Amino acid sequence: MNDTENDANFSNKLVNVLEKWVNGALEYETAIPGVKISRWTHPTPPTSYTHKPSICLIAQGKKQVLLGEDSYIYDSNHFLISSVNLPITANIMEASDEHPYLGLIMELDLQEISQLIVESEFSFHPVKEAQKGIAVGTLSESLLDAFYRLMQLLDEPESIKILAPVIKREIFYRLLMSEQGQRLNQTVTNGSHSHQISKAIDWLKNNFVKPLSVGDLASYSGMSKSAFYTHFRSMTSMTPLQFQKKLRLSEARRLMLTENLDAMATTFKVGYESPSQFSREYSRLFGAPPSKDIKALREANMA
């Protein structure tokens, strides 16, 4: 059996195991910590949300992710990896009743990855500019096999506590061995530009309702204001202000959709002082005013 046939075999088996556990739901939180399955039977409109450090696989279908003005498309032959929290816009491109989109996302343990780099004595070339926080990589047979074995543990829940961390560690190791290893190394290495920017991103994620001072954030990251601005854009494809705005608006959408807050209450909850400015910027990002957008999302979810 050649490599192409092997890849197809593993991919088909992954389709079967994901279909079994998602069982027709849109999303399913598995018993394996940090691992979630999603299933869609139709293409979806662009949706904005904050994407955690993670690796995403597609067993069937195709998806597009937008970060700033950059587009990343991946399918069953590729994976998407993000090394920091990022406000993205994503949509399912290929899905149908006969061949539903089946996706798998696993959160990255950056501390575990850092430990692996030390233990394995990986040697990476220093990089001057901060690495982009998201990328698409080619899915190898060994990586696909590890994910398949991880999902098989759902059939033996008593083994998850012991074996899931072992297989996850293998996945992290194989990622470090791949063309994405440099990106992960830069994110977890103290003193690197990517690591300094990742600190700023974590601060923004936890404090996006507060007024933003780029100078203060640069100092917090241990960089000059000009260097911080340059490397922040390199890693996120956005300015710090654009990044904060996307975090605020994505959280606003979530609050109105899942917690039934009205637009006025949401305005102040996410850090805006002007309802008109909130509505204007919300419409610019999502294509419709808050009330109209949330109504359309609820109708789409009920369809």
C-alpha atoms as a PDB file:
ATOM      1  CA  MET A   1       0.000   0.000   0.000  1.00  0.00           C
ATOM      2  CA  ASN A   2       1.469   3.386  -1.013  1.00  0.00           C
ATOM      3  CA  ASP A   3       1.489   6.591   1.048  1.00  0.00           C
ATOM      4  CA  THR A   4      -1.557   8.049  -0.743  1.00  0.00           C
ATOM      5  CA  GLU A   5      -3.609   4.917  -0.027  1.00  0.00           C
ATOM      6  CA  ASN A   6      -2.451   4.953   3.607  1.00  0.00           C
ATOM      7  CA  ASP A   7      -3.493   8.601   4.010  1.00  0.00           C
ATOM      8  CA  ALA A   8      -6.910   7.897   2.463  1.00  0.00           C
ATOM      9  CA  ASN A   9      -7.363   4.887   4.738  1.00  0.00           C
ATOM     10  CA  PHE A  10      -6.606   6.848   7.902  1.00  0.00           C
ATOM     11  CA  SER A  11      -8.759   9.754   6.695  1.00  0.00           C
ATOM     12  CA  ASN A  12     -11.735   7.470   6.030  1.00  0.00           C
ATOM     13  CA  LYS A  13     -11.369   5.861   9.454  1.00  0.00           C
ATOM     14  CA  LEU A  14     -11.252   9.305  11.049  1.00  0.00           C
ATOM     15  CA  VAL A  15     -14.469  10.238   9.199  1.00  0.00           C
ATOM     16  CA  ASN A  16     -16.174   7.170  10.649  1.00  0.00           C
ATOM     17  CA  VAL A  17     -15.068   7.762  14.235  1.00  0.00           C
ATOM     18  CA  LEU A  18     -16.015  11.478  14.144  1.00  0.00           C
ATOM     19  CA  GLU A  19     -19.443  10.718  12.656  1.00  0.00           C
ATOM     20  CA  LYS A  20     -20.022   8.145  15.390  1.00  0.00           C
ATOM     21  CA  TRP A  21     -19.327  10.522  18.258  1.00  0.00           C
ATOM     22  CA  VAL A  22     -20.735  13.799  16.959  1.00  0.00           C
ATOM     23  CA  ASN A  23     -23.956  11.861  16.190  1.00  0.00           C
ATOM     24  CA  GLY A  24     -25.640  14.579  14.114  1.00  0.00           C
ATOM     25  CA  ALA A  25     -24.910  17.467  16.520  1.00  0.00           C
ATOM     26  CA  LEU A  26     -23.256  20.671  15.330  1.00  0.00           C
ATOM     27  CA  GLU A  27     -20.588  20.452  18.024  1.00  0.00           C
ATOM     28  CA  TYR A  28     -19.532  17.793  20.501  1.00  0.00           C
ATOM     29  CA  GLU A  29     -17.187  18.251  23.465  1.00  0.00           C
ATOM     30  CA  THR A  30     -15.434  14.913  23.770  1.00  0.00           C
ATOM     31  CA  ALA A  31     -14.389  13.214  26.997  1.00  0.00           C
ATOM     32  CA  ILE A  32     -10.792  14.003  26.035  1.00  0.00           C
ATOM     33  CA  PRO A  33      -9.894  17.381  27.609  1.00  0.00           C
ATOM     34  CA  GLY A  34      -9.473  20.149  25.042  1.00  0.00           C
ATOM     35  CA  VAL A  35     -10.786  18.112  22.089  1.00  0.00           C
ATOM     36  CA  LYS A  36     -13.960  19.055  20.233  1.00  0.00           C
ATOM     37  CA  ILE A  37     -15.693  17.753  17.083  1.00  0.00           C
ATOM     38  CA  SER A  38     -17.892  19.795  14.740  1.00  0.00           C
ATOM     39  CA  ARG A  39     -20.236  18.721  11.946  1.00  0.00           C
ATOM     40  CA  TRP A  40     -22.029  20.810   9.309  1.00  0.00           C
ATOM     41  CA  THR A  41     -24.201  19.682   6.407  1.00  0.00           C
ATOM     42  CA  HIS A  42     -24.025  22.978   4.520  1.00  0.00           C
ATOM     43  CA  PRO A  43     -21.551  25.802   3.896  1.00  0.00           C
ATOM     44  CA  THR A  44     -21.726  28.520   6.535  1.00  0.00           C
ATOM     45  CA  PRO A  45     -21.530  32.324   6.412  1.00  0.00           C
ATOM     46  CA  PRO A  46     -18.389  33.971   7.841  1.00  0.00           C
ATOM     47  CA  THR A  47     -18.443  33.920  11.652  1.00  0.00           C
ATOM     48  CA  SER A  48     -16.102  35.898  13.905  1.00  0.00           C
ATOM     49  CA  TYR A  49     -14.739  34.505  17.162  1.00  0.00           C
ATOM     50  CA  THR A  50     -11.560  34.275  19.240  1.00  0.00           C
ATOM     51  CA  HIS A  51      -9.502  31.263  18.254  1.00  0.00           C
ATOM     52  CA  LYS A  52      -7.412  29.626  20.998  1.00  0.00           C
ATOM     53  CA  PRO A  53      -3.927  28.143  20.497  1.00  0.00           C
ATOM     54  CA  SER A  54      -4.871  24.879  18.814  1.00  0.00           C
ATOM     55  CA  ILE A  55      -4.509  22.487  15.927  1.00  0.00           C
ATOM     56  CA  CYS A  56      -7.496  21.902  13.652  1.00  0.00           C
ATOM     57  CA  LEU A  57      -8.015  18.907  11.381  1.00  0.00           C
ATOM     58  CA  ILE A  58     -10.705  18.302   8.783  1.00  0.00           C
ATOM     59  CA  ALA A  59     -11.677  14.693   8.103  1.00  0.00           C
ATOM     60  CA  GLN A  60     -14.130  15.795   5.413  1.00  0.00           C
ATOM     61  CA  GLY A  61     -14.915  19.161   3.799  1.00  0.00           C
ATOM     62  CA  LYS A  62     -13.063  22.469   3.474  1.00  0.00           C
ATOM     63  CA  LYS A  63     -12.808  25.599   5.623  1.00  0.00           C
ATOM     64  CA  GLN A  64     -11.521  29.154   5.263  1.00  0.00           C
ATOM     65  CA  VAL A  65     -10.089  31.273   8.079  1.00  0.00           C
ATOM     66  CA  LEU A  66      -9.449  35.014   7.764  1.00  0.00           C
ATOM     67  CA  LEU A  67      -6.951  36.821   9.983  1.00  0.00           C
ATOM     68  CA  GLY A  68      -6.942  40.493   9.137  1.00  0.00           C
ATOM     69  CA  GLU A  69      -6.676  40.517   5.346  1.00  0.00           C
ATOM     70  CA  ASP A  70      -4.895  37.131   5.169  1.00  0.00           C
ATOM     71  CA  SER A  71      -6.806  34.016   4.079  1.00  0.00           C
ATOM     72  CA  TYR A  72      -6.035  30.425   5.125  1.00  0.00           C
ATOM     73  CA  ILE A  73      -7.831  27.509   3.462  1.00  0.00           C
ATOM     74  CA  TYR A  74      -7.439  23.926   4.606  1.00  0.00           C
ATOM     75  CA  ASP A  75      -9.008  20.516   3.973  1.00  0.00           C
ATOM     76  CA  SER A  76      -8.483  16.816   4.759  1.00  0.00           C
ATOM     77  CA  ASN A  77      -4.889  16.985   3.498  1.00  0.00           C
ATOM     78  CA  HIS A  78      -3.888  19.945   5.662  1.00  0.00           C
ATOM     79  CA  PHE A  79      -4.157  21.216   9.230  1.00  0.00           C
ATOM     80  CA  LEU A  80      -4.523  24.701  10.672  1.00  0.00           C
ATOM     81  CA  ILE A  81      -2.363  25.635  13.639  1.00  0.00           C
ATOM     82  CA  SER A  82      -2.612  28.748  15.810  1.00  0.00           C
ATOM     83  CA  SER A  83      -0.007  29.501  18.458  1.00  0.00           C
ATOM     84  CA  VAL A  84      -1.791  32.407  20.218  1.00  0.00           C
ATOM     85  CA  ASN A  85      -5.326  33.674  20.873  1.00  0.00           C
ATOM     86  CA  LEU A  86      -6.528  35.410  17.698  1.00  0.00           C
ATOM     87  CA  PRO A  87      -9.772  37.113  16.639  1.00  0.00           C
ATOM     88  CA  ILE A  88     -10.559  35.389  13.347  1.00  0.00           C
ATOM     89  CA  THR A  89     -13.419  35.081  10.866  1.00  0.00           C
ATOM     90  CA  ALA A  90     -14.137  31.593   9.538  1.00  0.00           C
ATOM     91  CA  ASN A  91     -16.578  29.796   7.276  1.00  0.00           C
ATOM     92  CA  ILE A  92     -17.198  26.239   6.080  1.00  0.00           C
ATOM     93  CA  MET A  93     -16.672  26.136   2.314  1.00  0.00           C
ATOM     94  CA  GLU A  94     -17.618  22.543   1.487  1.00  0.00           C
ATOM     95  CA  ALA A  95     -20.311  20.487   3.233  1.00  0.00           C
ATOM     96  CA  SER A  96     -23.460  18.573   2.243  1.00  0.00           C
ATOM     97  CA  ASP A  97     -25.933  16.015   3.603  1.00  0.00           C
ATOM     98  CA  GLU A  98     -24.071  13.247   1.753  1.00  0.00           C
ATOM     99  CA  HIS A  99     -20.616  14.475   2.721  1.00  0.00           C
ATOM    100  CA  PRO A 100     -20.887  16.614   5.865  1.00  0.00           C
ATOM    101  CA  TYR A 101     -18.052  18.768   7.071  1.00  0.00           C
ATOM    102  CA  LEU A 102     -16.311  16.956   9.934  1.00  0.00           C
ATOM    103  CA  GLY A 103     -13.750  18.928  11.901  1.00  0.00           C
ATOM    104  CA  LEU A 104     -11.600  18.206  14.923  1.00  0.00           C
ATOM    105  CA  ILE A 105      -9.928  20.813  17.109  1.00  0.00           C
ATOM    106  CA  MET A 106      -7.417  20.158  19.887  1.00  0.00           C
ATOM    107  CA  GLU A 107      -6.090  22.899  22.146  1.00  0.00           C
ATOM    108  CA  LEU A 108      -2.322  23.240  22.369  1.00  0.00           C
ATOM    109  CA  ASP A 109      -0.568  22.912  25.718  1.00  0.00           C
ATOM    110  CA  LEU A 110       2.194  25.495  25.259  1.00  0.00           C
ATOM    111  CA  GLN A 111       3.821  24.560  28.554  1.00  0.00           C
ATOM    112  CA  GLU A 112       4.051  20.925  27.463  1.00  0.00           C
ATOM    113  CA  ILE A 113       5.461  22.010  24.088  1.00  0.00           C
ATOM    114  CA  SER A 114       8.067  24.149  25.844  1.00  0.00           C
ATOM    115  CA  GLN A 115       9.090  21.176  27.986  1.00  0.00           C
ATOM    116  CA  LEU A 116       9.348  18.957  24.902  1.00  0.00           C
ATOM    117  CA  ILE A 117      11.694  21.432  23.220  1.00  0.00           C
ATOM    118  CA  VAL A 118      13.993  21.304  26.247  1.00  0.00           C
ATOM    119  CA  GLU A 119      13.891  17.519  26.640  1.00  0.00           C
ATOM    120  CA  SER A 120      14.322  16.766  22.939  1.00  0.00           C
ATOM    121  CA  GLU A 121      17.103  19.335  22.490  1.00  0.00           C
ATOM    122  CA  PHE A 122      15.513  20.741  19.356  1.00  0.00           C
ATOM    123  CA  SER A 123      17.691  23.283  17.563  1.00  0.00           C
ATOM    124  CA  PHE A 124      15.853  26.094  15.783  1.00  0.00           C
ATOM    125  CA  HIS A 125      17.402  28.981  13.882  1.00  0.00           C
ATOM    126  CA  PRO A 126      16.745  32.381  15.474  1.00  0.00           C
ATOM    127  CA  VAL A 127      14.126  34.486  13.683  1.00  0.00           C
ATOM    128  CA  LYS A 128      14.270  38.288  13.729  1.00  0.00           C
ATOM    129  CA  GLU A 129      10.611  39.023  13.018  1.00  0.00           C
ATOM    130  CA  ALA A 130       7.684  37.700  15.023  1.00  0.00           C
ATOM    131  CA  GLN A 131       6.160  34.628  13.355  1.00  0.00           C
ATOM    132  CA  LYS A 132       2.577  34.763  12.097  1.00  0.00           C
ATOM    133  CA  GLY A 133       0.256  33.424  14.806  1.00  0.00           C
ATOM    134  CA  ILE A 134      -1.578  31.087  12.443  1.00  0.00           C
ATOM    135  CA  ALA A 135      -0.586  28.851   9.525  1.00  0.00           C
ATOM    136  CA  VAL A 136      -1.634  25.902   7.369  1.00  0.00           C
ATOM    137  CA  GLY A 137       0.554  22.799   7.316  1.00  0.00           C
ATOM    138  CA  THR A 138       0.570  19.549   5.348  1.00  0.00           C
ATOM    139  CA  LEU A 139      -1.005  16.671   7.272  1.00  0.00           C
ATOM    140  CA  SER A 140       1.421  13.748   7.476  1.00  0.00           C
ATOM    141  CA  GLU A 141       0.421  10.112   7.832  1.00  0.00           C
ATOM    142  CA  SER A 142       2.088   9.890  11.249  1.00  0.00           C
ATOM    143  CA  LEU A 143       0.186  12.931  12.555  1.00  0.00           C
ATOM    144  CA  LEU A 144      -3.113  11.664  11.159  1.00  0.00           C
ATOM    145  CA  ASP A 145      -2.480   8.250  12.712  1.00  0.00           C
ATOM    146  CA  ALA A 146      -1.838   9.833  16.129  1.00  0.00           C
ATOM    147  CA  PHE A 147      -5.119  11.755  15.962  1.00  0.00           C
ATOM    148  CA  TYR A 148      -6.973   8.603  14.929  1.00  0.00           C
ATOM    149  CA  ARG A 149      -5.537   6.725  17.915  1.00  0.00           C
ATOM    150  CA  LEU A 150      -6.501   9.635  20.178  1.00  0.00           C
ATOM    151  CA  MET A 151     -10.108   9.515  18.980  1.00  0.00           C
ATOM    152  CA  GLN A 152     -10.221   5.731  19.393  1.00  0.00           C
ATOM    153  CA  LEU A 153      -9.818   6.312  23.130  1.00  0.00           C
ATOM    154  CA  LEU A 154     -13.424   7.526  23.194  1.00  0.00           C
ATOM    155  CA  ASP A 155     -14.375   3.839  22.944  1.00  0.00           C
ATOM    156  CA  GLU A 156     -12.443   3.081  26.132  1.00  0.00           C
ATOM    157  CA  PRO A 157     -13.099   6.023  28.467  1.00  0.00           C
ATOM    158  CA  GLU A 158     -11.283   4.337  31.353  1.00  0.00           C
ATOM    159  CA  SER A 159      -8.025   4.724  29.375  1.00  0.00           C
ATOM    160  CA  ILE A 160      -8.384   8.422  28.519  1.00  0.00           C
ATOM    161  CA  LYS A 161      -6.816   9.754  31.719  1.00  0.00           C
ATOM    162  CA  ILE A 162      -3.623   7.710  31.200  1.00  0.00           C
ATOM    163  CA  LEU A 163      -3.255   7.398  27.425  1.00  0.00           C
ATOM    164  CA  ALA A 164      -4.635  10.710  26.084  1.00  0.00           C
ATOM    165  CA  PRO A 165      -1.752  12.789  27.540  1.00  0.00           C
ATOM    166  CA  VAL A 166       0.737  10.342  25.978  1.00  0.00           C
ATOM    167  CA  ILE A 167      -0.801  10.616  22.503  1.00  0.00           C
ATOM    168  CA  LYS A 168      -1.175  14.397  22.811  1.00  0.00           C
ATOM    169  CA  ARG A 169       2.512  14.601  23.685  1.00  0.00           C
ATOM    170  CA  GLU A 170       3.290  12.594  20.552  1.00  0.00           C
ATOM    171  CA  ILE A 171       1.192  15.025  18.492  1.00  0.00           C
ATOM    172  CA  PHE A 172       3.056  18.010  19.940  1.00  0.00           C
ATOM    173  CA  TYR A 173       6.366  16.305  19.203  1.00  0.00           C
ATOM    174  CA  ARG A 174       5.386  15.640  15.595  1.00  0.00           C
ATOM    175  CA  LEU A 175       4.285  19.258  15.204  1.00  0.00           C
ATOM    176  CA  LEU A 176       7.695  20.392  16.446  1.00  0.00           C
ATOM    177  CA  MET A 177       9.279  18.054  13.890  1.00  0.00           C
ATOM    178  CA  SER A 178       7.173  19.578  11.105  1.00  0.00           C
ATOM    179  CA  GLU A 179       7.586  22.852   9.222  1.00  0.00           C
ATOM    180  CA  GLN A 180       5.508  24.458  11.995  1.00  0.00           C
ATOM    181  CA  GLY A 181       8.072  23.682  14.701  1.00  0.00           C
ATOM    182  CA  GLN A 182       9.823  27.022  14.325  1.00  0.00           C
ATOM    183  CA  ARG A 183       6.536  28.882  14.831  1.00  0.00           C
ATOM    184  CA  LEU A 184       5.785  27.012  18.067  1.00  0.00           C
ATOM    185  CA  ASN A 185       9.340  27.411  19.313  1.00  0.00           C
ATOM    186  CA  GLN A 186       9.251  31.177  18.834  1.00  0.00           C
ATOM    187  CA  THR A 187       5.952  31.443  20.716  1.00  0.00           C
ATOM    188  CA  VAL A 188       7.205  29.652  23.842  1.00  0.00           C
ATOM    189  CA  THR A 189      10.831  30.857  23.892  1.00  0.00           C
ATOM    190  CA  ASN A 190      11.487  33.625  26.415  1.00  0.00           C
ATOM    191  CA  GLY A 191      12.937  36.735  24.809  1.00  0.00           C
ATOM    192  CA  SER A 192      11.772  35.986  21.260  1.00  0.00           C
ATOM    193  CA  HIS A 193       9.627  38.604  19.542  1.00  0.00           C
ATOM    194  CA  SER A 194       6.799  36.090  19.127  1.00  0.00           C
ATOM    195  CA  HIS A 195       6.861  35.311  22.846  1.00  0.00           C
ATOM    196  CA  GLN A 196       6.827  39.014  23.739  1.00  0.00           C
ATOM    197  CA  ILE A 197       3.859  39.656  21.433  1.00  0.00           C
ATOM    198  CA  SER A 198       2.050  36.585  22.793  1.00  0.00           C
ATOM    199  CA  LYS A 199       2.257  38.173  26.267  1.00  0.00           C
ATOM    200  CA  ALA A 200       0.588  41.310  24.894  1.00  0.00           C
ATOM    201  CA  ILE A 201      -2.095  39.215  23.194  1.00  0.00           C
ATOM    202  CA  ASP A 202      -2.867  37.435  26.462  1.00  0.00           C
ATOM    203  CA  TRP A 203      -3.174  40.807  28.200  1.00  0.00           C
ATOM    204  CA  LEU A 204      -5.525  42.128  25.509  1.00  0.00           C
ATOM    205  CA  LYS A 205      -7.674  38.990  25.671  1.00  0.00           C
ATOM    206  CA  ASN A 206      -8.146  39.416  29.415  1.00  0.00           C
ATOM    207  CA  ASN A 207      -8.475  43.219  29.415  1.00  0.00           C
ATOM    208  CA  PHE A 208     -10.105  44.177  26.110  1.00  0.00           C
ATOM    209  CA  VAL A 209     -12.761  46.307  27.822  1.00  0.00           C
ATOM    210  CA  LYS A 210     -10.080  48.650  29.192  1.00  0.00           C
ATOM    211  CA  PRO A 211      -8.769  51.702  27.292  1.00  0.00           C
ATOM    212  CA  LEU A 212      -5.771  50.750  25.157  1.00  0.00           C
ATOM    213  CA  SER A 213      -2.384  52.426  25.447  1.00  0.00           C
ATOM    214  CA  VAL A 214       0.002  50.996  22.850  1.00  0.00           C
ATOM    215  CA  GLY A 215       2.936  52.553  24.705  1.00  0.00           C
ATOM    216  CA  ASP A 216       2.010  50.843  27.967  1.00  0.00           C
ATOM    217  CA  LEU A 217       1.403  47.537  26.179  1.00  0.00           C
ATOM    218  CA  ALA A 218       4.792  47.801  24.458  1.00  0.00           C
ATOM    219  CA  SER A 219       6.476  48.409  27.835  1.00  0.00           C
ATOM    220  CA  TYR A 220       4.617  45.433  29.321  1.00  0.00           C
ATOM    221  CA  SER A 221       5.990  43.320  26.458  1.00  0.00           C
ATOM    222  CA  GLY A 222       9.528  44.603  26.961  1.00  0.00           C
ATOM    223  CA  MET A 223       9.766  46.321  23.579  1.00  0.00           C
ATOM    224  CA  SER A 224       9.975  49.826  22.154  1.00  0.00           C
ATOM    225  CA  LYS A 225       6.711  51.235  20.819  1.00  0.00           C
ATOM    226  CA  SER A 226       7.820  51.101  17.179  1.00  0.00           C
ATOM    227  CA  ALA A 227       9.209  47.555  17.449  1.00  0.00           C
ATOM    228  CA  PHE A 228       6.106  46.386  19.284  1.00  0.00           C
ATOM    229  CA  TYR A 229       3.814  47.819  16.602  1.00  0.00           C
ATOM    230  CA  THR A 230       5.835  46.182  13.803  1.00  0.00           C
ATOM    231  CA  HIS A 231       6.027  42.738  15.392  1.00  0.00           C
ATOM    232  CA  PHE A 232       2.399  42.830  16.537  1.00  0.00           C
ATOM    233  CA  ARG A 233       1.286  43.369  12.926  1.00  0.00           C
ATOM    234  CA  SER A 234       3.635  40.618  11.741  1.00  0.00           C
ATOM    235  CA  MET A 235       2.090  38.107  14.124  1.00  0.00           C
ATOM    236  CA  THR A 236      -1.589  39.102  13.939  1.00  0.00           C
ATOM    237  CA  SER A 237      -2.009  40.918  10.586  1.00  0.00           C
ATOM    238  CA  MET A 238      -3.666  43.714  12.603  1.00  0.00           C
ATOM    239  CA  THR A 239      -2.783  46.777  14.612  1.00  0.00           C
ATOM    240  CA  PRO A 240      -3.288  46.507  18.397  1.00  0.00           C
ATOM    241  CA  LEU A 241      -6.377  48.743  18.119  1.00  0.00           C
ATOM    242  CA  GLN A 242      -7.897  46.602  15.359  1.00  0.00           C
ATOM    243  CA  PHE A 243      -7.155  43.505  17.435  1.00  0.00           C
ATOM    244  CA  GLN A 244      -8.888  44.969  20.498  1.00  0.00           C
ATOM    245  CA  LYS A 245     -11.874  46.036  18.406  1.00  0.00           C
ATOM    246  CA  LYS A 246     -12.333  42.525  17.015  1.00  0.00           C
ATOM    247  CA  LEU A 247     -12.117  41.023  20.498  1.00  0.00           C
ATOM    248  CA  ARG A 248     -14.779  43.452  21.747  1.00  0.00           C
ATOM    249  CA  LEU A 249     -17.163  42.891  18.850  1.00  0.00           C
ATOM    250  CA  SER A 250     -16.814  39.104  18.875  1.00  0.00           C
ATOM    251  CA  GLU A 251     -17.599  39.072  22.601  1.00  0.00           C
ATOM    252  CA  ALA A 252     -20.535  41.429  21.983  1.00  0.00           C
ATOM    253  CA  ARG A 253     -21.974  39.039  19.423  1.00  0.00           C
ATOM    254  CA  ARG A 254     -21.597  36.123  21.829  1.00  0.00           C
ATOM    255  CA  LEU A 255     -23.277  38.013  24.678  1.00  0.00           C
ATOM    256  CA  MET A 256     -26.280  38.964  22.558  1.00  0.00           C
ATOM    257  CA  LEU A 257     -26.611  35.535  20.966  1.00  0.00           C
ATOM    258  CA  THR A 258     -26.060  33.250  23.971  1.00  0.00           C
ATOM    259  CA  GLU A 259     -26.895  35.440  26.980  1.00  0.00           C
ATOM    260  CA  ASN A 260     -29.731  37.478  25.387  1.00  0.00           C
ATOM    261  CA  LEU A 261     -28.251  40.875  26.258  1.00  0.00           C
ATOM    262  CA  ASP A 262     -29.659  43.783  24.278  1.00  0.00           C
ATOM    263  CA  ALA A 263     -27.427  46.044  22.181  1.00  0.00           C
ATOM    264  CA  MET A 264     -27.459  48.903  24.714  1.00  0.00           C
ATOM    265  CA  ALA A 265     -26.302  46.737  27.626  1.00  0.00           C
ATOM    266  CA  THR A 266     -23.740  45.009  25.442  1.00  0.00           C
ATOM    267  CA  THR A 267     -22.278  48.341  24.312  1.00  0.00           C
ATOM    268  CA  PHE A 268     -20.985  49.174  27.787  1.00  0.00           C
ATOM    269  CA  LYS A 269     -20.282  45.560  28.755  1.00  0.00           C
ATOM    270  CA  VAL A 270     -17.575  45.232  26.088  1.00  0.00           C
ATOM    271  CA  GLY A 271     -15.983  48.631  26.680  1.00  0.00           C
ATOM    272  CA  TYR A 272     -17.730  51.018  24.292  1.00  0.00           C
ATOM    273  CA  GLU A 273     -18.944  54.382  25.561  1.00  0.00           C
ATOM    274  CA  SER A 274     -21.074  55.282  22.532  1.00  0.00           C
ATOM    275  CA  PRO A 275     -23.979  53.037  21.363  1.00  0.00           C
ATOM    276  CA  SER A 276     -23.846  54.656  17.922  1.00  0.00           C
ATOM    277  CA  GLN A 277     -20.133  53.906  17.548  1.00  0.00           C
ATOM    278  CA  PHE A 278     -20.727  50.329  18.731  1.00  0.00           C
ATOM    279  CA  SER A 279     -23.535  49.820  16.205  1.00  0.00           C
ATOM    280  CA  ARG A 280     -21.483  51.360  13.397  1.00  0.00           C
ATOM    281  CA  GLU A 281     -18.405  49.229  14.038  1.00  0.00           C
ATOM    282  CA  TYR A 282     -20.509  46.108  14.623  1.00  0.00           C
ATOM    283  CA  SER A 283     -22.254  46.617  11.263  1.00  0.00           C
ATOM    284  CA  ARG A 284     -18.925  47.144   9.531  1.00  0.00           C
ATOM    285  CA  LEU A 285     -17.557  43.828  10.860  1.00  0.00           C
ATOM    286  CA  PHE A 286     -20.641  41.623  10.659  1.00  0.00           C
ATOM    287  CA  GLY A 287     -22.517  43.242   7.774  1.00  0.00           C
ATOM    288  CA  ALA A 288     -25.666  44.207   9.699  1.00  0.00           C
ATOM    289  CA  PRO A 289     -26.694  46.151  12.833  1.00  0.00           C
ATOM    290  CA  PRO A 290     -26.657  44.149  16.092  1.00  0.00           C
ATOM    291  CA  SER A 291     -30.387  43.358  16.367  1.00  0.00           C
ATOM    292  CA  LYS A 292     -30.719  42.366  12.704  1.00  0.00           C
ATOM    293  CA  ASP A 293     -27.550  40.253  12.777  1.00  0.00           C
ATOM    294  CA  ILE A 294     -28.543  38.363  15.939  1.00  0.00           C
ATOM    295  CA  LYS A 295     -32.027  37.685  14.571  1.00  0.00           C
ATOM    296  CA  ALA A 296     -30.555  36.265  11.366  1.00  0.00           C
ATOM    297  CA  LEU A 297     -28.127  34.062  13.335  1.00  0.00           C
ATOM    298  CA  ARG A 298     -30.925  32.650  15.495  1.00  0.00           C
ATOM    299  CA  GLU A 299     -33.058  31.906  12.445  1.00  0.00           C
ATOM    300  CA  ALA A 300     -30.127  30.197  10.745  1.00  0.00           C
ATOM    301  CA  ASN A 301     -29.445  28.048  13.819  1.00  0.00           C
ATOM    302  CA  MET A 302     -33.081  26.955  13.942  1.00  0.00           C
ATOM    303  CA  ALA A 303     -33.201  26.074  10.245  1.00  0.00           C
END
